[in-house]
């Protein structure tokens, strides 16, 4: 089986990315905190989160959410998509028992002076009807079927 290869000509401003839904469990939260070496108790100790922080449960940490955004975007672009920048603003917490849904839309497509094709995407993470986090990402994608953004180095790579 060959992996689909998304190229610049396949993408247009206004395109919608396929949604990704994931049922969050305590394991999702704790393993994300462990993977990012975040030992703060609000990400693994329910009593601490509820009593000390006054929230309903443990919750996803920032690096865990960043990893979900990266997965969502690279699942869409395929193996030749290369993240340049991702910024996001968390507006609410994501807890075990929530189903998070990521959606995205292409807001800009361009080619820089070095011939690198860039796609700007806005991604939203919702739980039910509540926006929890909004992200903006710039992703380099192949400008042509023979291009590979991962081979760009030095002055040819300007995220």
N, C-alpha and C. Protein backbone atom coordinates (compact mmCIF):
# COMPACT_ATOMS: atom_id res chain seq x y z
N UNK A 1 0.84 -1.18 0.00
CA UNK A 1 0.00 0.00 0.00
C UNK A 1 0.88 1.25 0.00
N UNK A 2 0.58 2.20 -0.84
CA UNK A 2 1.34 3.44 -0.87
C UNK A 2 0.57 4.52 -0.12
N UNK A 3 1.32 5.38 0.54
CA UNK A 3 0.73 6.48 1.28
C UNK A 3 0.36 7.59 0.31
N UNK A 4 -0.85 8.13 0.43
CA UNK A 4 -1.22 9.25 -0.45
C UNK A 4 -0.24 10.40 -0.27
N UNK A 5 0.03 11.09 -1.33
CA UNK A 5 0.98 12.19 -1.28
C UNK A 5 0.26 13.48 -1.63
N UNK A 6 -0.06 14.27 -0.62
CA UNK A 6 -0.72 15.55 -0.80
C UNK A 6 0.29 16.57 -1.31
N UNK A 7 -0.02 17.25 -2.40
CA UNK A 7 0.86 18.29 -2.92
C UNK A 7 0.12 19.61 -2.95
N UNK A 8 0.87 20.68 -3.17
CA UNK A 8 0.34 22.04 -3.15
C UNK A 8 -0.85 22.20 -4.09
N UNK A 9 -0.80 21.58 -5.25
CA UNK A 9 -1.89 21.74 -6.23
C UNK A 9 -3.19 21.06 -5.77
N UNK A 10 -3.12 20.21 -4.75
CA UNK A 10 -4.30 19.54 -4.22
C UNK A 10 -5.05 20.38 -3.20
N UNK A 11 -4.47 21.54 -2.81
CA UNK A 11 -4.99 22.31 -1.68
C UNK A 11 -5.40 23.69 -2.14
N UNK A 12 -6.53 24.16 -1.61
CA UNK A 12 -7.00 25.51 -1.94
C UNK A 12 -7.52 26.19 -0.67
N UNK A 13 -7.40 27.50 -0.65
CA UNK A 13 -7.95 28.27 0.46
C UNK A 13 -9.43 27.93 0.58
N UNK A 14 -9.88 27.72 1.81
CA UNK A 14 -11.27 27.35 2.06
C UNK A 14 -11.50 25.86 2.21
N UNK A 15 -10.51 25.03 1.82
CA UNK A 15 -10.65 23.59 1.98
C UNK A 15 -10.86 23.24 3.46
N UNK A 16 -11.70 22.24 3.69
CA UNK A 16 -11.93 21.74 5.05
C UNK A 16 -11.18 20.44 5.24
N UNK A 17 -10.52 20.30 6.37
CA UNK A 17 -9.84 19.05 6.71
C UNK A 17 -10.87 18.09 7.28
N UNK A 18 -10.69 16.79 7.09
CA UNK A 18 -11.63 15.84 7.70
C UNK A 18 -11.53 15.92 9.22
N UNK A 19 -12.66 15.83 9.91
CA UNK A 19 -12.62 15.93 11.37
C UNK A 19 -11.97 14.69 12.00
N UNK A 20 -11.45 14.88 13.20
CA UNK A 20 -10.90 13.79 14.00
C UNK A 20 -11.54 13.86 15.37
N UNK A 21 -12.16 12.77 15.79
CA UNK A 21 -12.75 12.70 17.13
C UNK A 21 -12.00 11.67 17.96
N UNK A 22 -11.89 11.96 19.25
CA UNK A 22 -11.21 11.04 20.15
C UNK A 22 -11.87 11.12 21.52
N UNK A 23 -12.22 9.95 22.05
CA UNK A 23 -12.78 9.88 23.40
C UNK A 23 -11.62 9.95 24.40
N UNK A 24 -11.63 10.98 25.22
CA UNK A 24 -10.55 11.21 26.19
C UNK A 24 -10.82 10.35 27.42
N UNK A 25 -9.79 9.64 27.85
CA UNK A 25 -9.85 8.85 29.07
C UNK A 25 -8.81 9.38 30.04
N UNK A 26 -8.84 8.89 31.26
CA UNK A 26 -7.80 9.25 32.23
C UNK A 26 -6.43 8.81 31.69
N UNK A 27 -6.40 7.68 31.00
CA UNK A 27 -5.15 7.19 30.41
C UNK A 27 -4.63 8.19 29.37
N UNK A 28 -5.51 8.74 28.54
CA UNK A 28 -5.10 9.74 27.55
C UNK A 28 -4.41 10.91 28.24
N UNK A 29 -5.00 11.37 29.33
CA UNK A 29 -4.47 12.53 30.05
C UNK A 29 -3.13 12.19 30.71
N UNK A 30 -3.10 11.09 31.44
CA UNK A 30 -1.89 10.72 32.20
C UNK A 30 -0.73 10.37 31.27
N UNK A 31 -0.98 9.59 30.23
CA UNK A 31 0.11 9.23 29.33
C UNK A 31 0.66 10.46 28.60
N UNK A 32 -0.21 11.42 28.26
CA UNK A 32 0.27 12.65 27.64
C UNK A 32 1.17 13.43 28.57
N UNK A 33 0.79 13.48 29.85
CA UNK A 33 1.62 14.18 30.84
C UNK A 33 2.95 13.45 31.03
N UNK A 34 2.90 12.13 31.11
CA UNK A 34 4.14 11.36 31.25
C UNK A 34 5.06 11.54 30.05
N UNK A 35 4.50 11.48 28.85
CA UNK A 35 5.31 11.61 27.65
C UNK A 35 6.02 12.95 27.58
N UNK A 36 5.41 13.97 28.14
CA UNK A 36 6.02 15.30 28.12
C UNK A 36 6.75 15.63 29.43
N UNK A 37 6.89 14.61 30.27
CA UNK A 37 7.58 14.76 31.56
C UNK A 37 6.98 15.85 32.43
N UNK A 38 5.68 15.95 32.37
CA UNK A 38 4.95 16.94 33.17
C UNK A 38 4.40 16.22 34.40
N UNK A 39 5.07 16.41 35.54
CA UNK A 39 4.63 15.70 36.73
C UNK A 39 3.72 16.54 37.62
N UNK A 40 3.23 17.66 37.10
CA UNK A 40 2.32 18.47 37.90
C UNK A 40 1.05 17.67 38.19
N UNK A 41 0.63 17.66 39.45
CA UNK A 41 -0.43 16.75 39.87
C UNK A 41 -1.80 16.98 39.22
N UNK A 42 -2.07 18.13 38.70
CA UNK A 42 -3.39 18.37 38.08
C UNK A 42 -3.59 17.54 36.82
N UNK A 43 -2.52 16.87 36.35
CA UNK A 43 -2.62 16.05 35.17
C UNK A 43 -2.62 14.55 35.47
N UNK A 44 -2.58 14.19 36.78
CA UNK A 44 -2.63 12.76 37.12
C UNK A 44 -3.28 12.47 38.46
N UNK A 45 -3.54 13.49 39.27
CA UNK A 45 -4.10 13.28 40.61
C UNK A 45 -5.47 13.95 40.68
N UNK A 46 -6.51 13.13 40.61
CA UNK A 46 -7.89 13.66 40.59
C UNK A 46 -8.20 14.49 41.83
N UNK A 47 -7.80 14.01 43.02
CA UNK A 47 -8.09 14.77 44.25
C UNK A 47 -7.43 16.15 44.21
N UNK A 48 -6.18 16.19 43.77
CA UNK A 48 -5.48 17.48 43.67
C UNK A 48 -6.22 18.40 42.69
N UNK A 49 -6.58 17.87 41.54
CA UNK A 49 -7.25 18.68 40.52
C UNK A 49 -8.57 19.23 41.06
N UNK A 50 -9.34 18.38 41.72
CA UNK A 50 -10.66 18.81 42.19
C UNK A 50 -10.58 19.70 43.41
N UNK A 51 -9.81 19.29 44.41
CA UNK A 51 -9.78 20.02 45.68
C UNK A 51 -8.90 21.26 45.59
N UNK A 52 -7.69 21.11 45.10
CA UNK A 52 -6.74 22.23 45.07
C UNK A 52 -7.02 23.20 43.92
N UNK A 53 -7.35 22.67 42.73
CA UNK A 53 -7.56 23.53 41.56
C UNK A 53 -9.03 23.86 41.32
N UNK A 54 -9.94 23.12 41.94
CA UNK A 54 -11.36 23.41 41.79
C UNK A 54 -11.93 23.06 40.42
N UNK A 55 -11.29 22.11 39.72
CA UNK A 55 -11.80 21.67 38.43
C UNK A 55 -12.43 20.29 38.59
N UNK A 56 -13.15 19.83 37.57
CA UNK A 56 -13.93 18.60 37.74
C UNK A 56 -13.08 17.33 37.72
N UNK A 57 -11.87 17.40 37.15
CA UNK A 57 -11.06 16.18 37.03
C UNK A 57 -9.67 16.59 36.55
N UNK A 58 -8.78 15.59 36.37
CA UNK A 58 -7.50 15.85 35.73
C UNK A 58 -7.78 16.32 34.30
N UNK A 59 -6.82 16.99 33.66
CA UNK A 59 -7.09 17.54 32.32
C UNK A 59 -5.84 17.50 31.47
N UNK A 60 -6.06 17.54 30.13
CA UNK A 60 -4.95 17.50 29.17
C UNK A 60 -4.01 18.67 29.40
N UNK A 61 -2.71 18.40 29.37
CA UNK A 61 -1.74 19.48 29.48
C UNK A 61 -1.45 20.08 28.10
N UNK A 62 -0.71 21.15 28.09
CA UNK A 62 -0.42 21.88 26.86
C UNK A 62 0.33 21.01 25.83
N UNK A 63 1.43 20.33 26.20
CA UNK A 63 2.12 19.51 25.20
C UNK A 63 1.25 18.39 24.64
N UNK A 64 0.35 17.86 25.44
CA UNK A 64 -0.55 16.81 24.96
C UNK A 64 -1.47 17.37 23.88
N UNK A 65 -2.02 18.56 24.13
CA UNK A 65 -2.86 19.17 23.10
C UNK A 65 -2.03 19.47 21.85
N UNK A 66 -0.82 19.97 22.03
CA UNK A 66 0.05 20.25 20.88
C UNK A 66 0.26 18.98 20.06
N UNK A 67 0.46 17.86 20.73
CA UNK A 67 0.67 16.59 20.03
C UNK A 67 -0.58 16.19 19.24
N UNK A 68 -1.75 16.44 19.79
CA UNK A 68 -2.98 16.13 19.06
C UNK A 68 -3.10 17.01 17.82
N UNK A 69 -2.75 18.29 17.93
CA UNK A 69 -2.78 19.16 16.75
C UNK A 69 -1.79 18.67 15.69
N UNK A 70 -0.59 18.31 16.13
CA UNK A 70 0.42 17.82 15.18
C UNK A 70 -0.05 16.54 14.50
N UNK A 71 -0.61 15.63 15.26
CA UNK A 71 -1.12 14.39 14.66
C UNK A 71 -2.21 14.70 13.63
N UNK A 72 -3.14 15.56 14.01
CA UNK A 72 -4.25 15.90 13.12
C UNK A 72 -3.72 16.47 11.80
N UNK A 73 -2.79 17.38 11.89
CA UNK A 73 -2.26 18.03 10.68
C UNK A 73 -1.42 17.09 9.83
N UNK A 74 -0.58 16.29 10.46
CA UNK A 74 0.28 15.40 9.68
C UNK A 74 -0.50 14.19 9.15
N UNK A 75 -1.58 13.79 9.82
CA UNK A 75 -2.45 12.77 9.23
C UNK A 75 -3.04 13.30 7.93
N UNK A 76 -3.37 14.59 7.90
CA UNK A 76 -3.96 15.20 6.71
C UNK A 76 -2.93 15.36 5.59
N UNK A 77 -1.75 15.88 5.91
CA UNK A 77 -0.76 16.15 4.86
C UNK A 77 -0.06 14.89 4.38
N UNK A 78 0.03 13.88 5.23
CA UNK A 78 0.81 12.70 4.89
C UNK A 78 2.26 12.91 5.29
N UNK A 79 3.12 11.95 4.96
CA UNK A 79 4.49 11.96 5.47
C UNK A 79 5.37 13.08 4.93
N UNK A 80 4.97 13.76 3.88
CA UNK A 80 5.81 14.81 3.32
C UNK A 80 5.42 16.20 3.81
N UNK A 81 4.35 16.29 4.59
CA UNK A 81 4.01 17.57 5.21
C UNK A 81 4.95 17.84 6.36
N UNK A 82 5.44 19.06 6.47
CA UNK A 82 6.40 19.41 7.51
C UNK A 82 5.91 20.66 8.24
N UNK A 83 5.63 20.50 9.53
CA UNK A 83 5.14 21.63 10.31
C UNK A 83 6.22 22.70 10.42
N UNK A 84 5.81 23.93 10.13
CA UNK A 84 6.73 25.05 10.29
C UNK A 84 6.50 25.74 11.62
N UNK A 85 5.26 26.13 11.86
CA UNK A 85 4.88 26.79 13.12
C UNK A 85 3.48 26.37 13.50
N UNK A 86 3.28 26.22 14.80
CA UNK A 86 1.95 26.00 15.34
C UNK A 86 1.83 26.86 16.58
N UNK A 87 0.81 27.70 16.60
CA UNK A 87 0.51 28.49 17.80
C UNK A 87 -0.93 28.18 18.19
N UNK A 88 -1.20 28.20 19.47
CA UNK A 88 -2.57 27.97 19.88
C UNK A 88 -2.88 28.65 21.20
N UNK A 89 -4.18 28.84 21.40
CA UNK A 89 -4.67 29.45 22.63
C UNK A 89 -5.71 28.53 23.23
N UNK A 90 -5.44 28.09 24.46
CA UNK A 90 -6.37 27.22 25.16
C UNK A 90 -7.42 28.10 25.84
N UNK A 91 -8.68 27.75 25.62
CA UNK A 91 -9.79 28.53 26.15
C UNK A 91 -10.55 27.78 27.24
N UNK A 92 -10.29 26.50 27.35
CA UNK A 92 -10.95 25.67 28.35
C UNK A 92 -10.23 24.34 28.45
N UNK A 93 -10.56 23.58 29.47
CA UNK A 93 -9.89 22.31 29.73
C UNK A 93 -10.61 21.15 29.05
N UNK A 94 -9.83 20.09 28.79
CA UNK A 94 -10.35 18.85 28.23
C UNK A 94 -10.12 17.76 29.27
N UNK A 95 -11.22 17.09 29.66
CA UNK A 95 -11.21 16.16 30.77
C UNK A 95 -11.51 14.73 30.31
N UNK A 96 -11.15 13.74 31.16
CA UNK A 96 -11.60 12.38 30.88
C UNK A 96 -13.13 12.36 30.77
N UNK A 97 -13.63 11.58 29.83
CA UNK A 97 -15.07 11.53 29.60
C UNK A 97 -15.51 12.45 28.47
N UNK A 98 -14.67 13.42 28.12
CA UNK A 98 -14.98 14.30 26.99
C UNK A 98 -14.66 13.59 25.69
N UNK A 99 -15.36 13.94 24.64
CA UNK A 99 -14.98 13.55 23.29
C UNK A 99 -14.50 14.82 22.61
N UNK A 100 -13.21 14.86 22.30
CA UNK A 100 -12.69 16.05 21.62
C UNK A 100 -12.81 15.82 20.12
N UNK A 101 -13.17 16.90 19.44
CA UNK A 101 -13.30 16.85 17.99
C UNK A 101 -12.45 17.96 17.41
N UNK A 102 -11.51 17.57 16.54
CA UNK A 102 -10.67 18.54 15.86
C UNK A 102 -11.18 18.75 14.45
N UNK A 103 -11.29 20.02 14.07
CA UNK A 103 -11.68 20.38 12.71
C UNK A 103 -10.70 21.44 12.22
N UNK A 104 -10.56 21.55 10.92
CA UNK A 104 -9.62 22.52 10.39
C UNK A 104 -10.06 23.05 9.04
N UNK A 105 -9.53 24.23 8.72
CA UNK A 105 -9.79 24.82 7.41
C UNK A 105 -8.54 25.54 6.92
N UNK A 106 -8.33 25.48 5.62
CA UNK A 106 -7.19 26.14 4.99
C UNK A 106 -7.52 27.62 4.85
N UNK A 107 -6.65 28.47 5.39
CA UNK A 107 -6.90 29.92 5.33
C UNK A 107 -5.98 30.64 4.36
N UNK A 108 -4.90 29.98 3.93
CA UNK A 108 -3.98 30.62 2.99
C UNK A 108 -3.09 29.56 2.35
N UNK A 109 -2.75 29.77 1.10
CA UNK A 109 -1.78 28.94 0.40
C UNK A 109 -0.81 29.88 -0.31
N UNK A 110 0.48 29.57 -0.25
CA UNK A 110 1.47 30.45 -0.87
C UNK A 110 2.76 29.67 -1.12
N UNK A 111 3.62 30.27 -1.93
CA UNK A 111 4.95 29.71 -2.19
C UNK A 111 5.95 30.82 -1.87
N UNK A 112 6.96 30.49 -1.05
CA UNK A 112 7.93 31.52 -0.68
C UNK A 112 9.01 31.70 -1.76
N UNK A 113 9.94 32.61 -1.53
CA UNK A 113 10.98 32.93 -2.51
C UNK A 113 11.89 31.75 -2.84
N UNK A 114 11.96 30.78 -1.92
CA UNK A 114 12.81 29.59 -2.13
C UNK A 114 12.06 28.45 -2.80
N UNK A 115 10.78 28.69 -3.13
CA UNK A 115 9.98 27.65 -3.79
C UNK A 115 9.30 26.69 -2.84
N UNK A 116 9.33 27.01 -1.55
CA UNK A 116 8.69 26.15 -0.56
C UNK A 116 7.19 26.49 -0.52
N UNK A 117 6.35 25.48 -0.67
CA UNK A 117 4.90 25.67 -0.66
C UNK A 117 4.38 25.62 0.77
N UNK A 118 3.62 26.64 1.15
CA UNK A 118 3.11 26.76 2.51
C UNK A 118 1.59 26.76 2.52
N UNK A 119 1.04 26.09 3.50
CA UNK A 119 -0.39 26.07 3.73
C UNK A 119 -0.62 26.53 5.16
N UNK A 120 -1.51 27.49 5.33
CA UNK A 120 -1.88 27.95 6.66
C UNK A 120 -3.25 27.37 6.98
N UNK A 121 -3.35 26.77 8.16
CA UNK A 121 -4.57 26.09 8.58
C UNK A 121 -4.98 26.59 9.96
N UNK A 122 -6.27 26.83 10.13
CA UNK A 122 -6.83 27.09 11.45
C UNK A 122 -7.48 25.81 11.92
N UNK A 123 -7.14 25.40 13.14
CA UNK A 123 -7.68 24.17 13.72
C UNK A 123 -8.42 24.54 15.00
N UNK A 124 -9.57 23.91 15.18
CA UNK A 124 -10.33 24.12 16.41
C UNK A 124 -10.56 22.78 17.09
N UNK A 125 -10.41 22.79 18.42
CA UNK A 125 -10.70 21.63 19.25
C UNK A 125 -11.97 21.96 20.02
N UNK A 126 -13.01 21.19 19.76
CA UNK A 126 -14.29 21.36 20.46
C UNK A 126 -14.58 20.15 21.34
N UNK A 127 -15.27 20.40 22.42
CA UNK A 127 -15.91 19.37 23.21
C UNK A 127 -17.38 19.75 23.21
N UNK A 128 -18.17 18.87 22.61
CA UNK A 128 -19.58 19.17 22.33
C UNK A 128 -19.64 20.48 21.55
N UNK A 129 -20.35 21.47 22.04
CA UNK A 129 -20.46 22.73 21.29
C UNK A 129 -19.53 23.82 21.82
N UNK A 130 -18.61 23.43 22.70
CA UNK A 130 -17.70 24.42 23.30
C UNK A 130 -16.33 24.37 22.64
N UNK A 131 -15.87 25.55 22.18
CA UNK A 131 -14.51 25.68 21.66
C UNK A 131 -13.55 25.67 22.84
N UNK A 132 -12.64 24.70 22.86
CA UNK A 132 -11.67 24.58 23.95
C UNK A 132 -10.31 25.16 23.58
N UNK A 133 -9.90 25.00 22.31
CA UNK A 133 -8.61 25.50 21.88
C UNK A 133 -8.68 25.83 20.39
N UNK A 134 -8.02 26.92 20.01
CA UNK A 134 -7.91 27.29 18.59
C UNK A 134 -6.42 27.38 18.27
N UNK A 135 -6.04 26.77 17.15
CA UNK A 135 -4.64 26.75 16.72
C UNK A 135 -4.52 27.30 15.30
N UNK A 136 -3.36 27.85 15.01
CA UNK A 136 -3.01 28.27 13.65
C UNK A 136 -1.68 27.61 13.33
N UNK A 137 -1.63 26.95 12.17
CA UNK A 137 -0.42 26.24 11.79
C UNK A 137 0.01 26.62 10.38
N UNK A 138 1.32 26.70 10.18
CA UNK A 138 1.91 26.82 8.85
C UNK A 138 2.62 25.52 8.56
N UNK A 139 2.26 24.92 7.43
CA UNK A 139 2.78 23.60 7.09
C UNK A 139 3.38 23.67 5.69
N UNK A 140 4.60 23.19 5.56
CA UNK A 140 5.21 23.07 4.24
C UNK A 140 4.73 21.76 3.63
N UNK A 141 4.28 21.84 2.39
CA UNK A 141 3.85 20.65 1.65
C UNK A 141 4.64 20.60 0.35
N UNK A 142 4.74 19.44 -0.27
CA UNK A 142 5.46 19.37 -1.54
C UNK A 142 4.87 20.33 -2.58
N UNK A 143 5.74 21.14 -3.19
CA UNK A 143 5.30 22.07 -4.24
C UNK A 143 4.97 21.32 -5.52
N UNK A 144 5.53 20.14 -5.67
CA UNK A 144 5.30 19.30 -6.86
C UNK A 144 5.43 17.84 -6.42
N UNK A 145 5.07 16.91 -7.28
CA UNK A 145 5.18 15.49 -6.90
C UNK A 145 6.61 15.04 -6.56
N UNK A 146 7.62 15.76 -7.04
CA UNK A 146 9.00 15.36 -6.75
C UNK A 146 9.63 16.14 -5.60
N UNK A 147 8.93 17.12 -5.06
CA UNK A 147 9.45 17.96 -3.98
C UNK A 147 9.27 17.25 -2.63
N UNK A 148 10.17 17.53 -1.70
CA UNK A 148 10.07 17.01 -0.34
C UNK A 148 10.52 18.10 0.62
N UNK A 149 9.60 18.75 1.35
CA UNK A 149 9.98 19.82 2.28
C UNK A 149 10.97 19.37 3.35
N UNK A 150 11.03 18.08 3.64
CA UNK A 150 11.96 17.59 4.66
C UNK A 150 13.42 17.68 4.20
N UNK A 151 13.65 17.86 2.92
CA UNK A 151 15.02 17.98 2.42
C UNK A 151 15.51 19.42 2.43
N UNK A 152 14.65 20.35 2.79
CA UNK A 152 15.05 21.77 2.83
C UNK A 152 15.87 22.04 4.09
N UNK A 153 17.00 22.69 3.91
CA UNK A 153 17.90 23.02 5.01
C UNK A 153 18.36 24.47 4.86
N UNK A 154 18.91 25.00 5.92
CA UNK A 154 19.52 26.33 5.88
C UNK A 154 18.57 27.40 5.37
N UNK A 155 19.04 28.20 4.43
CA UNK A 155 18.24 29.30 3.88
C UNK A 155 17.03 28.82 3.10
N UNK A 156 17.02 27.55 2.71
CA UNK A 156 15.86 27.03 1.97
C UNK A 156 14.72 26.63 2.89
N UNK A 157 14.95 26.68 4.21
CA UNK A 157 13.92 26.36 5.20
C UNK A 157 13.72 27.55 6.12
N UNK A 158 12.62 28.26 5.90
CA UNK A 158 12.32 29.46 6.69
C UNK A 158 10.89 29.41 7.22
N UNK A 159 10.68 28.65 8.29
CA UNK A 159 9.30 28.56 8.80
C UNK A 159 8.82 29.83 9.37
